[in-house]
Amino acid sequence: MESKKSWLRKDLDALRLQWDMLSFYERFEQLVAHVLSVVISIIILVSLWQLIHAVIALLVSDALNPLDHEVYQTVFGMVMTLLIAMEFKHSITRVMARRNHIVQVKTVLLVALLAIARKFIILDPASAPAKIAALAFALIALGSVYWLMRQRDDPVDATSAAQAERDRVAHAQRQQGGSPGEGGQTGN
């Protein structure tokens, strides 16, 4: 018990020291992040309770048929809502842990991608083709931006992807009988 108190005391002292070093606005930002975290946690718990209640009600009424489109839409729409809320809470937790000062754009893009995926899941099959095309275009645009930002932010991934592409080209040239040093030209 004594070691637990000393561990807690050390954490509180470290937190107090960090708090003293923050500017007024950074303290305000931390308070807002903590309040948002509590609110989103409550939303996640309520949503989880509603999901559990809905699944149990479907099981009791023997109506849980994943092949039924309406049941699928309802259950997986609720699951996706929970995933979106948890990802949003994770981004706020990163702000609270002072790893980031603001919510990262990549996280916002990821949440938007999840929201569009959720929309596709709950979309009525009889929806207008223009609506489906618009959602698909938004999904491709957001996915492309997310991929570009990931390539920019993680040079190791970009370097390994470039090396894998060079290896693939060299392998294809060897298969065709050319050598990798020929610059991709074969004897046509």
Protein backbone atom coordinates (compact mmCIF):
# COMPACT_ATOMS: atom_id res chain seq x y z
CA MET A 1 0.00 0.00 0.00
CA GLU A 2 2.90 2.31 0.81
CA SER A 3 4.44 1.88 -2.66
CA LYS A 4 1.08 2.65 -4.29
CA LYS A 5 0.84 5.94 -2.39
CA SER A 6 4.39 6.90 -3.35
CA TRP A 7 3.70 6.02 -6.99
CA LEU A 8 0.55 8.13 -6.96
CA ARG A 9 2.39 10.95 -5.19
CA LYS A 10 5.11 10.93 -7.87
CA ASP A 11 2.53 11.07 -10.65
CA LEU A 12 0.68 13.95 -9.00
CA ASP A 13 3.94 15.84 -8.46
CA ALA A 14 4.89 15.35 -12.13
CA LEU A 15 1.43 16.53 -13.21
CA ARG A 16 1.64 19.59 -10.95
CA LEU A 17 5.07 20.44 -12.40
CA GLN A 18 3.76 20.12 -15.96
CA TRP A 19 0.69 22.22 -15.10
CA ASP A 20 2.88 25.00 -13.70
CA MET A 21 4.87 25.13 -16.95
CA LEU A 22 1.77 25.53 -19.15
CA SER A 23 0.60 28.89 -20.42
CA PHE A 24 -2.93 30.10 -19.70
CA TYR A 25 -4.18 28.98 -23.12
CA GLU A 26 -2.50 25.56 -22.81
CA ARG A 27 -4.21 25.07 -19.44
CA PHE A 28 -7.52 26.05 -21.04
CA GLU A 29 -6.84 23.60 -23.88
CA GLN A 30 -6.14 20.82 -21.38
CA LEU A 31 -9.35 21.54 -19.44
CA VAL A 32 -11.43 21.49 -22.62
CA ALA A 33 -9.77 18.23 -23.69
CA HIS A 34 -10.57 16.63 -20.32
CA VAL A 35 -14.21 17.76 -20.42
CA LEU A 36 -14.57 16.51 -24.02
CA SER A 37 -13.00 13.21 -23.02
CA VAL A 38 -15.53 12.73 -20.21
CA VAL A 39 -18.46 13.68 -22.48
CA ILE A 40 -17.32 11.33 -25.25
CA SER A 41 -16.75 8.55 -22.71
CA ILE A 42 -20.35 8.94 -21.58
CA ILE A 43 -21.54 8.88 -25.20
CA ILE A 44 -19.51 5.70 -25.82
CA LEU A 45 -20.96 4.01 -22.74
CA VAL A 46 -24.53 4.95 -23.65
CA SER A 47 -24.01 3.82 -27.25
CA LEU A 48 -22.49 0.53 -26.08
CA TRP A 49 -25.44 -0.02 -23.74
CA GLN A 50 -27.89 0.66 -26.57
CA LEU A 51 -25.98 -1.73 -28.87
CA ILE A 52 -26.01 -4.48 -26.25
CA HIS A 53 -29.70 -3.85 -25.57
CA ALA A 54 -30.55 -3.97 -29.30
CA VAL A 55 -28.59 -7.19 -29.89
CA ILE A 56 -30.16 -8.88 -26.85
CA ALA A 57 -33.63 -7.78 -27.97
CA LEU A 58 -32.94 -9.22 -31.43
CA LEU A 59 -31.66 -12.48 -29.91
CA VAL A 60 -34.67 -12.83 -27.61
CA SER A 61 -37.11 -12.17 -30.41
CA ASP A 62 -35.14 -14.58 -32.64
CA ALA A 63 -34.84 -11.83 -35.26
CA LEU A 64 -31.03 -11.66 -35.37
CA ASN A 65 -30.43 -12.61 -38.96
CA PRO A 66 -27.25 -11.01 -40.35
CA LEU A 67 -28.53 -11.67 -43.86
CA ASP A 68 -31.51 -9.41 -43.25
CA HIS A 69 -30.44 -6.05 -44.63
CA GLU A 70 -32.29 -3.95 -42.05
CA VAL A 71 -30.81 -5.89 -39.12
CA TYR A 72 -27.35 -5.63 -40.68
CA GLN A 73 -27.78 -1.88 -41.16
CA THR A 74 -28.93 -1.35 -37.60
CA VAL A 75 -26.35 -3.46 -35.79
CA PHE A 76 -23.31 -2.53 -37.84
CA GLY A 77 -24.35 1.11 -38.02
CA MET A 78 -24.29 1.15 -34.22
CA VAL A 79 -20.91 -0.64 -34.17
CA MET A 80 -19.45 1.89 -36.60
CA THR A 81 -20.82 4.74 -34.49
CA LEU A 82 -18.98 3.29 -31.50
CA LEU A 83 -15.75 2.97 -33.51
CA ILE A 84 -16.01 6.57 -34.66
CA ALA A 85 -16.55 7.80 -31.11
CA MET A 86 -13.63 5.74 -29.80
CA GLU A 87 -11.28 7.05 -32.50
CA PHE A 88 -12.37 10.59 -31.72
CA LYS A 89 -11.75 9.99 -28.01
CA HIS A 90 -8.32 8.58 -28.83
CA SER A 91 -7.40 11.78 -30.64
CA ILE A 92 -8.49 13.85 -27.63
CA THR A 93 -6.54 11.55 -25.29
CA ARG A 94 -3.41 12.27 -27.34
CA VAL A 95 -3.98 16.00 -26.78
CA MET A 96 -4.42 15.37 -23.04
CA ALA A 97 -1.17 13.38 -22.90
CA ARG A 98 0.55 16.41 -24.47
CA ARG A 99 1.79 14.35 -27.41
CA ASN A 100 0.04 16.77 -29.73
CA HIS A 101 -1.11 20.31 -29.09
CA ILE A 102 -4.05 20.08 -31.44
CA VAL A 103 -6.14 17.35 -32.98
CA GLN A 104 -4.21 15.97 -35.93
CA VAL A 105 -5.57 16.29 -39.46
CA LYS A 106 -4.90 12.61 -40.13
CA THR A 107 -7.18 11.70 -37.24
CA VAL A 108 -9.93 13.94 -38.57
CA LEU A 109 -9.54 12.30 -41.99
CA LEU A 110 -9.69 8.85 -40.40
CA VAL A 111 -12.88 9.74 -38.53
CA ALA A 112 -14.37 11.10 -41.77
CA LEU A 113 -13.44 7.87 -43.59
CA LEU A 114 -15.11 5.85 -40.84
CA ALA A 115 -18.21 8.05 -41.03
CA ILE A 116 -18.50 7.53 -44.79
CA ALA A 117 -17.96 3.79 -44.37
CA ARG A 118 -20.75 3.83 -41.79
CA LYS A 119 -22.95 5.73 -44.25
CA PHE A 120 -22.33 3.04 -46.88
CA ILE A 121 -23.30 0.35 -44.37
CA ILE A 122 -26.58 2.01 -43.38
CA LEU A 123 -27.37 3.24 -46.90
CA ASP A 124 -30.68 2.13 -48.32
CA PRO A 125 -30.06 -0.19 -51.29
CA ALA A 126 -32.63 1.76 -53.29
CA SER A 127 -30.67 5.01 -52.94
CA ALA A 128 -30.09 7.16 -55.97
CA PRO A 129 -26.96 6.23 -57.96
CA ALA A 130 -25.83 9.86 -57.82
CA LYS A 131 -25.81 9.71 -54.02
CA ILE A 132 -23.77 6.51 -54.05
CA ALA A 133 -21.34 8.01 -56.58
CA ALA A 134 -20.95 11.15 -54.48
CA LEU A 135 -20.17 9.10 -51.37
CA ALA A 136 -17.72 6.96 -53.35
CA PHE A 137 -15.98 10.07 -54.68
CA ALA A 138 -15.74 11.53 -51.17
CA LEU A 139 -14.35 8.24 -49.87
CA ILE A 140 -11.70 8.11 -52.62
CA ALA A 141 -10.76 11.77 -52.11
CA LEU A 142 -10.44 11.43 -48.33
CA GLY A 143 -8.56 8.15 -48.68
CA SER A 144 -6.13 9.72 -51.13
CA VAL A 145 -5.48 12.69 -48.86
CA TYR A 146 -5.00 10.35 -45.89
CA TRP A 147 -2.54 8.24 -47.90
CA LEU A 148 -0.60 11.31 -49.05
CA MET A 149 -0.38 12.64 -45.49
CA ARG A 150 0.75 9.26 -44.23
CA GLN A 151 3.46 9.12 -46.90
CA ARG A 152 4.59 12.61 -45.95
CA ASP A 153 4.61 11.97 -42.21
CA ASP A 154 6.22 8.54 -42.28
CA PRO A 155 9.30 8.58 -44.51
CA VAL A 156 10.16 5.01 -43.50
CA ASP A 157 6.93 3.78 -45.10
CA ALA A 158 7.56 5.93 -48.18
CA THR A 159 11.14 4.65 -48.50
CA SER A 160 10.16 1.02 -48.03
CA ALA A 161 7.32 1.40 -50.54
CA ALA A 162 9.73 2.92 -53.09
CA GLN A 163 12.24 0.11 -52.48
CA ALA A 164 9.50 -2.51 -52.87
CA GLU A 165 8.49 -0.92 -56.19
CA ARG A 166 12.11 -0.95 -57.42
CA ASP A 167 12.43 -4.59 -56.37
CA ARG A 168 9.20 -5.47 -58.18
CA VAL A 169 10.38 -3.76 -61.39
CA ALA A 170 13.78 -5.46 -61.17
CA HIS A 171 12.11 -8.85 -60.65
CA ALA A 172 9.77 -8.27 -63.60
CA GLN A 173 12.74 -7.33 -65.80
CA ARG A 174 14.62 -10.47 -64.77
CA GLN A 175 11.53 -12.51 -65.61
CA GLN A 176 11.44 -10.95 -69.09
CA GLY A 177 15.12 -11.63 -69.65
CA GLY A 178 16.37 -8.04 -69.21
CA SER A 179 18.68 -6.78 -66.50
CA PRO A 180 17.69 -4.23 -63.85
CA GLY A 181 20.40 -1.83 -65.02
CA GLU A 182 18.81 -1.31 -68.45
CA GLY A 183 16.40 1.31 -67.15
CA GLY A 184 13.31 -0.74 -67.87
CA GLN A 185 13.87 -0.96 -71.64
CA THR A 186 13.57 -4.31 -73.28
CA GLY A 187 14.48 -5.33 -76.79
CA ASN A 188 11.18 -4.73 -78.68
